[in-house]
Amino acid sequence: MQQAEAFLTTRKEEDTAYAGEMLGRILTGPLTVALEGELGAGKTVFVRGAARGLDVKEQVSSPTFVLLKIYPGRLPVYHFDFYRLSGDGDEELELGFEEYLPGDGVAFIEWAGRLPHLLPPDYLHVIIELFHDRFGDGRRLRFIPHGPAAEQVVETLSEAITRRTDGSLHREQPGS
C-alpha cells in the first residue's frame, strides 16, 4: 500500500528552516528522518529548523567531518551525515549507528541513500530539490512516509503548514 506523500515549495532559506521547525514541533516520539538532496539543497538548514522545533538550544551545524552530532532537546537530536561513507563495508556497524536509528530521539540522516540498509522500517524520507523558475530560486520538499508513525507525522505536518495569499509560508510564532 502506497502511503500519502506531501509536497512543499519554499522560496527562502527561512521557509525551508520553518518547514523543519514545524516537523520538530509536532514530533512526540522517536523517528528517523532520511534526507536526500544535492550539495547546497538545504538539508542542514532543514535540520537546524527541526532542532529549533525540538527545543534544541545549541546552534546546529553540519556533521560532515564528525559523522554524528548529538543535541539535547525535548527529544534528543542525532544529526548524521553519511556523505563520506561508502556503504560497501562494515564501517557503519563498527561506528554503532544502529543504536540511534531512531533510538530514544529523532535521527536526521543527511545523504541517507548512501547506507539505505541502516534505515528502520518506519522512517520519514525527505527529498529536497533545488529549482529555478521565472520567480527565482526555490526548493521542493517531498515528504515520503515509510510506516505508520511516519505517515501520521506527514499527515499532521500537512495540516500544520499553511500559506499566505502570496504563496509564502505563514510562519506562526511558538505558543500562538
N, C-alpha and C. Protein backbone atom coordinates (compact mmCIF):
# COMPACT_ATOMS: atom_id res chain seq x y z
N MET A 1 0.83 -1.17 0.00
CA MET A 1 0.00 0.00 0.00
C MET A 1 0.88 1.25 0.00
N GLN A 2 0.64 2.14 -0.95
CA GLN A 2 1.38 3.40 -1.03
C GLN A 2 0.84 4.37 0.01
N GLN A 3 1.71 4.95 0.79
CA GLN A 3 1.29 5.90 1.80
C GLN A 3 1.32 7.30 1.21
N ALA A 4 0.52 8.19 1.77
CA ALA A 4 0.38 9.55 1.24
C ALA A 4 1.67 10.33 1.38
N GLU A 5 2.06 10.98 0.28
CA GLU A 5 3.21 11.87 0.29
C GLU A 5 2.72 13.30 0.42
N ALA A 6 3.60 14.18 0.82
CA ALA A 6 3.28 15.60 0.89
C ALA A 6 4.39 16.37 0.17
N PHE A 7 4.02 17.48 -0.43
CA PHE A 7 4.96 18.32 -1.16
C PHE A 7 4.88 19.74 -0.64
N LEU A 8 6.00 20.44 -0.66
CA LEU A 8 6.05 21.82 -0.22
C LEU A 8 7.10 22.54 -1.04
N THR A 9 6.80 23.75 -1.47
CA THR A 9 7.76 24.57 -2.19
C THR A 9 8.14 25.74 -1.31
N THR A 10 9.45 25.99 -1.20
CA THR A 10 9.92 27.14 -0.44
C THR A 10 10.76 28.01 -1.36
N ARG A 11 10.72 29.31 -1.08
CA ARG A 11 11.48 30.29 -1.88
C ARG A 11 12.64 30.90 -1.10
N LYS A 12 12.59 30.78 0.23
CA LYS A 12 13.61 31.39 1.08
C LYS A 12 14.16 30.34 2.04
N GLU A 13 15.42 30.54 2.42
CA GLU A 13 16.04 29.63 3.39
C GLU A 13 15.23 29.58 4.68
N GLU A 14 14.68 30.75 5.10
CA GLU A 14 13.89 30.78 6.34
C GLU A 14 12.66 29.89 6.24
N ASP A 15 12.08 29.78 5.03
CA ASP A 15 10.90 28.92 4.87
C ASP A 15 11.28 27.45 4.93
N THR A 16 12.44 27.10 4.40
CA THR A 16 12.92 25.71 4.49
C THR A 16 13.17 25.36 5.96
N ALA A 17 13.80 26.29 6.68
CA ALA A 17 14.04 26.07 8.11
C ALA A 17 12.71 25.98 8.87
N TYR A 18 11.74 26.81 8.48
CA TYR A 18 10.44 26.80 9.15
C TYR A 18 9.72 25.46 8.94
N ALA A 19 9.81 24.91 7.74
CA ALA A 19 9.21 23.59 7.48
C ALA A 19 9.83 22.56 8.43
N GLY A 20 11.14 22.62 8.60
CA GLY A 20 11.80 21.73 9.56
C GLY A 20 11.35 22.00 10.98
N GLU A 21 11.19 23.29 11.32
CA GLU A 21 10.74 23.64 12.67
C GLU A 21 9.35 23.08 12.95
N MET A 22 8.46 23.17 11.99
CA MET A 22 7.12 22.62 12.17
C MET A 22 7.19 21.11 12.38
N LEU A 23 8.06 20.44 11.63
CA LEU A 23 8.24 19.00 11.84
C LEU A 23 8.69 18.75 13.28
N GLY A 24 9.70 19.49 13.73
CA GLY A 24 10.20 19.32 15.09
C GLY A 24 9.13 19.56 16.14
N ARG A 25 8.28 20.56 15.92
CA ARG A 25 7.23 20.88 16.90
C ARG A 25 6.22 19.74 17.05
N ILE A 26 5.92 19.05 15.95
CA ILE A 26 4.87 18.02 16.02
C ILE A 26 5.39 16.66 16.48
N LEU A 27 6.69 16.47 16.47
CA LEU A 27 7.23 15.16 16.87
C LEU A 27 7.06 14.94 18.37
N THR A 28 6.52 13.77 18.71
CA THR A 28 6.30 13.43 20.11
C THR A 28 7.06 12.18 20.53
N GLY A 29 7.69 11.52 19.58
CA GLY A 29 8.42 10.30 19.89
C GLY A 29 9.54 10.07 18.89
N PRO A 30 10.31 9.03 19.09
CA PRO A 30 11.44 8.73 18.22
C PRO A 30 11.04 8.56 16.76
N LEU A 31 11.90 9.02 15.88
CA LEU A 31 11.68 8.88 14.44
C LEU A 31 13.02 9.04 13.73
N THR A 32 13.18 8.34 12.63
CA THR A 32 14.32 8.52 11.76
C THR A 32 13.86 9.31 10.55
N VAL A 33 14.63 10.36 10.20
CA VAL A 33 14.32 11.20 9.05
C VAL A 33 15.50 11.10 8.09
N ALA A 34 15.27 10.48 6.94
CA ALA A 34 16.30 10.29 5.92
C ALA A 34 16.23 11.45 4.94
N LEU A 35 17.31 12.22 4.82
CA LEU A 35 17.34 13.41 3.97
C LEU A 35 18.17 13.18 2.72
N GLU A 36 17.60 13.59 1.59
CA GLU A 36 18.30 13.50 0.31
C GLU A 36 18.24 14.86 -0.37
N GLY A 37 19.27 15.17 -1.12
CA GLY A 37 19.33 16.41 -1.88
C GLY A 37 20.77 16.70 -2.23
N GLU A 38 20.96 17.41 -3.33
CA GLU A 38 22.32 17.71 -3.75
C GLU A 38 23.00 18.66 -2.76
N LEU A 39 24.30 18.84 -2.93
CA LEU A 39 25.04 19.77 -2.09
C LEU A 39 24.38 21.15 -2.18
N GLY A 40 24.16 21.77 -1.04
CA GLY A 40 23.58 23.10 -1.00
C GLY A 40 22.07 23.15 -1.13
N ALA A 41 21.41 21.99 -1.11
CA ALA A 41 19.95 21.96 -1.27
C ALA A 41 19.22 22.48 -0.04
N GLY A 42 19.83 22.39 1.13
CA GLY A 42 19.18 22.88 2.33
C GLY A 42 18.92 21.81 3.38
N LYS A 43 19.62 20.69 3.30
CA LYS A 43 19.41 19.62 4.27
C LYS A 43 19.74 20.08 5.69
N THR A 44 20.90 20.71 5.86
CA THR A 44 21.28 21.17 7.19
C THR A 44 20.37 22.30 7.66
N VAL A 45 19.95 23.16 6.76
CA VAL A 45 19.01 24.23 7.09
C VAL A 45 17.71 23.62 7.63
N PHE A 46 17.22 22.58 6.97
CA PHE A 46 16.00 21.90 7.41
C PHE A 46 16.20 21.30 8.80
N VAL A 47 17.33 20.63 9.03
CA VAL A 47 17.61 20.02 10.33
C VAL A 47 17.74 21.11 11.40
N ARG A 48 18.38 22.22 11.05
CA ARG A 48 18.51 23.33 12.01
C ARG A 48 17.12 23.79 12.47
N GLY A 49 16.19 23.91 11.54
CA GLY A 49 14.82 24.29 11.88
C GLY A 49 14.15 23.24 12.73
N ALA A 50 14.31 21.97 12.36
CA ALA A 50 13.70 20.88 13.13
C ALA A 50 14.23 20.86 14.56
N ALA A 51 15.52 21.10 14.71
CA ALA A 51 16.11 21.13 16.05
C ALA A 51 15.51 22.27 16.87
N ARG A 52 15.29 23.41 16.23
CA ARG A 52 14.64 24.53 16.93
C ARG A 52 13.24 24.11 17.40
N GLY A 53 12.51 23.40 16.55
CA GLY A 53 11.18 22.91 16.91
C GLY A 53 11.21 21.87 18.02
N LEU A 54 12.35 21.23 18.19
CA LEU A 54 12.53 20.24 19.26
C LEU A 54 13.19 20.86 20.49
N ASP A 55 13.23 22.18 20.54
CA ASP A 55 13.76 22.93 21.68
C ASP A 55 15.25 22.73 21.93
N VAL A 56 16.01 22.52 20.86
CA VAL A 56 17.47 22.45 20.96
C VAL A 56 17.97 23.88 21.08
N LYS A 57 18.81 24.14 22.05
CA LYS A 57 19.33 25.49 22.29
C LYS A 57 20.62 25.77 21.53
N GLU A 58 21.40 24.73 21.24
CA GLU A 58 22.67 24.90 20.54
C GLU A 58 22.45 25.21 19.06
N GLN A 59 23.46 25.84 18.45
CA GLN A 59 23.43 26.07 17.01
C GLN A 59 23.79 24.77 16.30
N VAL A 60 22.92 24.30 15.43
CA VAL A 60 23.15 23.06 14.69
C VAL A 60 24.03 23.36 13.48
N SER A 61 25.04 22.51 13.29
CA SER A 61 25.93 22.64 12.13
C SER A 61 26.08 21.27 11.48
N SER A 62 26.59 21.27 10.27
CA SER A 62 26.74 20.02 9.52
C SER A 62 27.75 19.09 10.20
N PRO A 63 27.39 17.81 10.32
CA PRO A 63 28.32 16.85 10.91
C PRO A 63 29.19 16.13 9.87
N THR A 64 29.44 16.76 8.73
CA THR A 64 30.15 16.09 7.64
C THR A 64 31.44 15.43 8.08
N PHE A 65 32.24 16.10 8.89
CA PHE A 65 33.56 15.55 9.22
C PHE A 65 33.57 14.72 10.49
N VAL A 66 32.53 14.81 11.31
CA VAL A 66 32.48 14.00 12.53
C VAL A 66 31.43 12.90 12.42
N LEU A 67 30.64 12.90 11.36
CA LEU A 67 29.60 11.91 11.05
C LEU A 67 28.35 11.99 11.91
N LEU A 68 28.47 12.36 13.19
CA LEU A 68 27.32 12.43 14.08
C LEU A 68 27.52 13.53 15.11
N LYS A 69 26.47 14.35 15.26
CA LYS A 69 26.42 15.32 16.35
C LYS A 69 25.14 15.07 17.12
N ILE A 70 25.23 15.16 18.43
CA ILE A 70 24.07 14.92 19.31
C ILE A 70 23.73 16.22 20.02
N TYR A 71 22.45 16.56 19.99
CA TYR A 71 21.97 17.79 20.62
C TYR A 71 20.84 17.45 21.59
N PRO A 72 20.92 17.95 22.84
CA PRO A 72 19.81 17.74 23.77
C PRO A 72 18.66 18.68 23.44
N GLY A 73 17.45 18.17 23.57
CA GLY A 73 16.25 18.95 23.34
C GLY A 73 15.07 18.24 23.98
N ARG A 74 13.88 18.61 23.59
CA ARG A 74 12.68 17.94 24.10
C ARG A 74 12.79 16.44 23.84
N LEU A 75 13.29 16.08 22.67
CA LEU A 75 13.76 14.72 22.33
C LEU A 75 15.20 14.89 21.90
N PRO A 76 16.10 13.95 22.20
CA PRO A 76 17.46 14.08 21.71
C PRO A 76 17.48 14.12 20.18
N VAL A 77 18.36 14.94 19.62
CA VAL A 77 18.52 15.04 18.18
C VAL A 77 19.86 14.42 17.81
N TYR A 78 19.81 13.42 16.93
CA TYR A 78 21.01 12.76 16.40
C TYR A 78 21.13 13.19 14.95
N HIS A 79 22.15 13.98 14.65
CA HIS A 79 22.32 14.54 13.31
C HIS A 79 23.50 13.85 12.63
N PHE A 80 23.19 13.01 11.66
CA PHE A 80 24.18 12.24 10.93
C PHE A 80 24.45 12.87 9.57
N ASP A 81 25.64 12.61 9.04
CA ASP A 81 25.95 12.95 7.66
C ASP A 81 26.73 11.77 7.08
N PHE A 82 26.08 11.05 6.16
CA PHE A 82 26.70 9.85 5.58
C PHE A 82 27.48 10.16 4.29
N TYR A 83 27.69 11.42 3.98
CA TYR A 83 28.33 11.80 2.71
C TYR A 83 29.68 11.12 2.52
N ARG A 84 30.47 11.03 3.56
CA ARG A 84 31.82 10.48 3.45
C ARG A 84 31.88 8.96 3.58
N LEU A 85 30.74 8.31 3.82
CA LEU A 85 30.73 6.86 3.97
C LEU A 85 30.43 6.20 2.63
N SER A 86 31.09 5.09 2.39
CA SER A 86 30.95 4.43 1.09
C SER A 86 29.80 3.44 1.05
N GLY A 87 29.46 2.84 2.19
CA GLY A 87 28.38 1.87 2.23
C GLY A 87 28.77 0.49 1.73
N ASP A 88 30.05 0.28 1.43
CA ASP A 88 30.47 -1.02 0.90
C ASP A 88 31.28 -1.84 1.91
N GLY A 89 31.18 -1.49 3.18
CA GLY A 89 31.92 -2.25 4.20
C GLY A 89 31.16 -2.27 5.51
N ASP A 90 31.87 -2.63 6.55
CA ASP A 90 31.26 -2.72 7.87
C ASP A 90 31.55 -1.49 8.72
N GLU A 91 32.05 -0.41 8.09
CA GLU A 91 32.45 0.77 8.87
C GLU A 91 31.29 1.33 9.70
N GLU A 92 30.08 1.34 9.13
CA GLU A 92 28.94 1.90 9.86
C GLU A 92 28.53 1.02 11.04
N LEU A 93 28.72 -0.29 10.91
CA LEU A 93 28.41 -1.18 12.03
C LEU A 93 29.41 -0.98 13.17
N GLU A 94 30.65 -0.75 12.82
CA GLU A 94 31.68 -0.50 13.82
C GLU A 94 31.44 0.82 14.54
N LEU A 95 30.80 1.77 13.88
CA LEU A 95 30.52 3.07 14.48
C LEU A 95 29.29 3.05 15.38
N GLY A 96 28.48 1.99 15.32
CA GLY A 96 27.33 1.84 16.20
C GLY A 96 26.12 2.70 15.87
N PHE A 97 25.97 3.07 14.61
CA PHE A 97 24.86 3.95 14.22
C PHE A 97 23.49 3.36 14.52
N GLU A 98 23.37 2.03 14.44
CA GLU A 98 22.06 1.41 14.58
C GLU A 98 21.38 1.70 15.92
N GLU A 99 22.14 2.00 16.94
CA GLU A 99 21.52 2.30 18.24
C GLU A 99 20.83 3.66 18.26
N TYR A 100 21.09 4.50 17.27
CA TYR A 100 20.46 5.82 17.20
C TYR A 100 19.31 5.89 16.20
N LEU A 101 19.05 4.80 15.51
CA LEU A 101 18.07 4.82 14.41
C LEU A 101 16.81 4.07 14.77
N PRO A 102 15.83 4.66 15.37
CA PRO A 102 15.83 6.04 15.83
C PRO A 102 16.31 6.19 17.26
N GLY A 103 16.49 5.10 18.00
CA GLY A 103 16.91 5.24 19.39
C GLY A 103 15.83 5.91 20.20
N ASP A 104 16.23 6.74 21.15
CA ASP A 104 15.25 7.40 22.02
C ASP A 104 14.95 8.82 21.57
N GLY A 105 15.41 9.20 20.39
CA GLY A 105 15.22 10.57 19.91
C GLY A 105 14.88 10.61 18.44
N VAL A 106 15.25 11.70 17.81
CA VAL A 106 15.00 11.89 16.39
C VAL A 106 16.34 11.88 15.67
N ALA A 107 16.49 10.96 14.74
CA ALA A 107 17.72 10.83 13.97
C ALA A 107 17.51 11.45 12.59
N PHE A 108 18.27 12.50 12.29
CA PHE A 108 18.25 13.13 10.97
C PHE A 108 19.51 12.67 10.24
N ILE A 109 19.33 12.06 9.06
CA ILE A 109 20.46 11.50 8.33
C ILE A 109 20.58 12.17 6.97
N GLU A 110 21.61 13.02 6.83
CA GLU A 110 21.89 13.61 5.52
C GLU A 110 22.61 12.56 4.68
N TRP A 111 22.27 12.50 3.40
CA TRP A 111 22.83 11.53 2.46
C TRP A 111 22.49 10.10 2.87
N ALA A 112 21.28 9.90 3.34
CA ALA A 112 20.84 8.58 3.82
C ALA A 112 20.90 7.52 2.73
N GLY A 113 20.78 7.91 1.49
CA GLY A 113 20.82 6.96 0.38
C GLY A 113 22.13 6.22 0.24
N ARG A 114 23.18 6.70 0.88
CA ARG A 114 24.47 6.01 0.82
C ARG A 114 24.47 4.72 1.65
N LEU A 115 23.61 4.66 2.68
CA LEU A 115 23.52 3.47 3.53
C LEU A 115 22.05 3.13 3.80
N PRO A 116 21.29 2.83 2.75
CA PRO A 116 19.85 2.61 2.94
C PRO A 116 19.52 1.41 3.82
N HIS A 117 20.42 0.45 3.90
CA HIS A 117 20.17 -0.75 4.71
C HIS A 117 20.15 -0.44 6.21
N LEU A 118 20.62 0.74 6.62
CA LEU A 118 20.58 1.10 8.03
C LEU A 118 19.24 1.69 8.45
N LEU A 119 18.41 2.07 7.49
CA LEU A 119 17.13 2.69 7.83
C LEU A 119 16.17 1.68 8.44
N PRO A 120 15.48 2.08 9.51
CA PRO A 120 14.49 1.19 10.12
C PRO A 120 13.26 1.10 9.22
N PRO A 121 12.35 0.18 9.47
CA PRO A 121 11.16 0.03 8.63
C PRO A 121 10.25 1.26 8.66
N ASP A 122 10.20 1.97 9.78
CA ASP A 122 9.33 3.13 9.91
C ASP A 122 10.23 4.38 9.94
N TYR A 123 10.23 5.14 8.84
CA TYR A 123 11.04 6.36 8.76
C TYR A 123 10.40 7.34 7.80
N LEU A 124 10.81 8.58 7.90
CA LEU A 124 10.34 9.64 7.01
C LEU A 124 11.45 9.99 6.05
N HIS A 125 11.17 9.90 4.75
CA HIS A 125 12.12 10.25 3.72
C HIS A 125 11.80 11.67 3.24
N VAL A 126 12.77 12.58 3.34
CA VAL A 126 12.58 13.95 2.89
C VAL A 126 13.57 14.22 1.77
N ILE A 127 13.04 14.53 0.59
CA ILE A 127 13.86 14.86 -0.57
C ILE A 127 13.76 16.36 -0.80
N ILE A 128 14.91 17.03 -0.88
CA ILE A 128 14.94 18.47 -1.12
C ILE A 128 15.59 18.70 -2.48
N GLU A 129 14.84 19.30 -3.40
CA GLU A 129 15.33 19.55 -4.74
C GLU A 129 15.42 21.05 -5.00
N LEU A 130 16.54 21.47 -5.54
CA LEU A 130 16.71 22.86 -5.97
C LEU A 130 16.04 23.04 -7.33
N PHE A 131 15.48 24.22 -7.56
CA PHE A 131 14.94 24.54 -8.88
C PHE A 131 15.03 26.04 -9.11
N HIS A 132 14.91 26.42 -10.34
CA HIS A 132 14.87 27.83 -10.72
C HIS A 132 13.76 27.99 -11.75
N ASP A 133 12.93 29.00 -11.53
CA ASP A 133 11.88 29.31 -12.50
C ASP A 133 11.79 30.82 -12.66
N ARG A 134 10.75 31.30 -13.28
CA ARG A 134 10.64 32.74 -13.57
C ARG A 134 10.55 33.59 -12.30
N PHE A 135 10.25 32.98 -11.16
CA PHE A 135 10.17 33.71 -9.89
C PHE A 135 11.48 33.67 -9.12
N GLY A 136 12.45 32.92 -9.61
CA GLY A 136 13.74 32.82 -8.94
C GLY A 136 14.04 31.41 -8.46
N ASP A 137 14.93 31.33 -7.49
CA ASP A 137 15.35 30.04 -6.94
C ASP A 137 14.36 29.55 -5.90
N GLY A 138 14.32 28.25 -5.75
CA GLY A 138 13.45 27.66 -4.75
C GLY A 138 13.86 26.24 -4.45
N ARG A 139 13.11 25.65 -3.55
CA ARG A 139 13.32 24.26 -3.16
C ARG A 139 11.97 23.55 -3.13
N ARG A 140 11.97 22.34 -3.58
CA ARG A 140 10.80 21.47 -3.47
C ARG A 140 11.13 20.43 -2.41
N LEU A 141 10.30 20.37 -1.39
CA LEU A 141 10.46 19.40 -0.33
C LEU A 141 9.39 18.33 -0.51
N ARG A 142 9.82 17.11 -0.56
CA ARG A 142 8.91 15.97 -0.72
C ARG A 142 9.03 15.10 0.51
N PHE A 143 7.91 14.88 1.18
CA PHE A 143 7.86 14.10 2.41
C PHE A 143 7.22 12.75 2.09
N ILE A 144 8.00 11.68 2.20
CA ILE A 144 7.54 10.34 1.85
C ILE A 144 7.59 9.46 3.10
N PRO A 145 6.43 9.09 3.63
CA PRO A 145 6.43 8.27 4.84
C PRO A 145 6.62 6.79 4.53
N HIS A 146 7.34 6.12 5.38
CA HIS A 146 7.51 4.67 5.33
C HIS A 146 7.12 4.15 6.71
N GLY A 147 5.92 3.62 6.82
CA GLY A 147 5.45 3.11 8.10
C GLY A 147 4.41 4.02 8.74
N PRO A 148 3.68 3.48 9.71
CA PRO A 148 2.55 4.21 10.30
C PRO A 148 2.94 5.46 11.09
N ALA A 149 4.03 5.43 11.83
CA ALA A 149 4.43 6.62 12.59
C ALA A 149 4.80 7.76 11.64
N ALA A 150 5.56 7.45 10.61
CA ALA A 150 5.95 8.47 9.63
C ALA A 150 4.73 8.98 8.87
N GLU A 151 3.78 8.11 8.58
CA GLU A 151 2.57 8.53 7.88
C GLU A 151 1.78 9.53 8.73
N GLN A 152 1.68 9.27 10.02
CA GLN A 152 0.97 10.19 10.91
C GLN A 152 1.68 11.54 10.98
N VAL A 153 3.01 11.51 10.99
CA VAL A 153 3.79 12.75 11.02
C VAL A 153 3.52 13.57 9.76
N VAL A 154 3.52 12.93 8.60
CA VAL A 154 3.28 13.64 7.34
C VAL A 154 1.88 14.23 7.31
N GLU A 155 0.92 13.47 7.78
CA GLU A 155 -0.46 13.98 7.81
C GLU A 155 -0.57 15.21 8.71
N THR A 156 0.02 15.15 9.89
CA THR A 156 -0.03 16.27 10.82
C THR A 156 0.74 17.47 10.28
N LEU A 157 1.90 17.22 9.67
CA LEU A 157 2.70 18.30 9.09
C LEU A 157 1.95 18.99 7.96
N SER A 158 1.26 18.22 7.13
CA SER A 158 0.49 18.80 6.02
C SER A 158 -0.60 19.73 6.53
N GLU A 159 -1.18 19.41 7.66
CA GLU A 159 -2.22 20.25 8.25
C GLU A 159 -1.62 21.47 8.95
N ALA A 160 -0.40 21.37 9.45
CA ALA A 160 0.21 22.42 10.26
C ALA A 160 0.80 23.57 9.44
N ILE A 161 1.29 23.27 8.23
CA ILE A 161 1.93 24.29 7.42
C ILE A 161 0.89 24.93 6.51
N THR A 162 0.75 26.24 6.62
CA THR A 162 -0.19 26.97 5.78
C THR A 162 0.54 28.04 4.99
N ARG A 163 -0.13 28.53 3.95
CA ARG A 163 0.46 29.55 3.08
C ARG A 163 -0.32 30.85 3.16
N ARG A 164 0.38 31.91 2.87
CA ARG A 164 -0.26 33.22 2.72
C ARG A 164 -0.80 33.32 1.29
N THR A 165 -1.56 34.35 1.01
CA THR A 165 -2.14 34.51 -0.34
C THR A 165 -1.06 34.73 -1.40
N ASP A 166 0.12 35.24 -1.01
CA ASP A 166 1.20 35.44 -1.99
C ASP A 166 2.01 34.16 -2.22
N GLY A 167 1.65 33.06 -1.56
CA GLY A 167 2.34 31.78 -1.74
C GLY A 167 3.43 31.50 -0.73
N SER A 168 3.82 32.52 0.04
CA SER A 168 4.85 32.29 1.06
C SER A 168 4.25 31.53 2.24
N LEU A 169 5.11 30.95 3.04
CA LEU A 169 4.64 30.19 4.20
C LEU A 169 4.16 31.14 5.29
N HIS A 170 3.05 30.80 5.89
CA HIS A 170 2.55 31.56 7.03
C HIS A 170 3.26 31.01 8.25
N ARG A 171 4.18 31.80 8.79
CA ARG A 171 5.00 31.35 9.92
C ARG A 171 4.38 31.79 11.22
N GLU A 172 3.87 30.83 11.96
CA GLU A 172 3.33 31.12 13.29
C GLU A 172 4.47 31.15 14.29
N GLN A 173 4.30 31.95 15.29
CA GLN A 173 5.29 32.02 16.37
C GLN A 173 4.97 30.92 17.39
N PRO A 174 6.00 30.34 18.04
CA PRO A 174 5.73 29.32 19.06
C PRO A 174 4.76 29.86 20.10
N GLY A 175 3.82 29.01 20.48
CA GLY A 175 2.85 29.38 21.50
C GLY A 175 1.64 30.10 20.96
N SER A 176 1.61 30.35 19.63
CA SER A 176 0.43 31.05 19.07
C SER A 176 -0.60 30.10 18.56
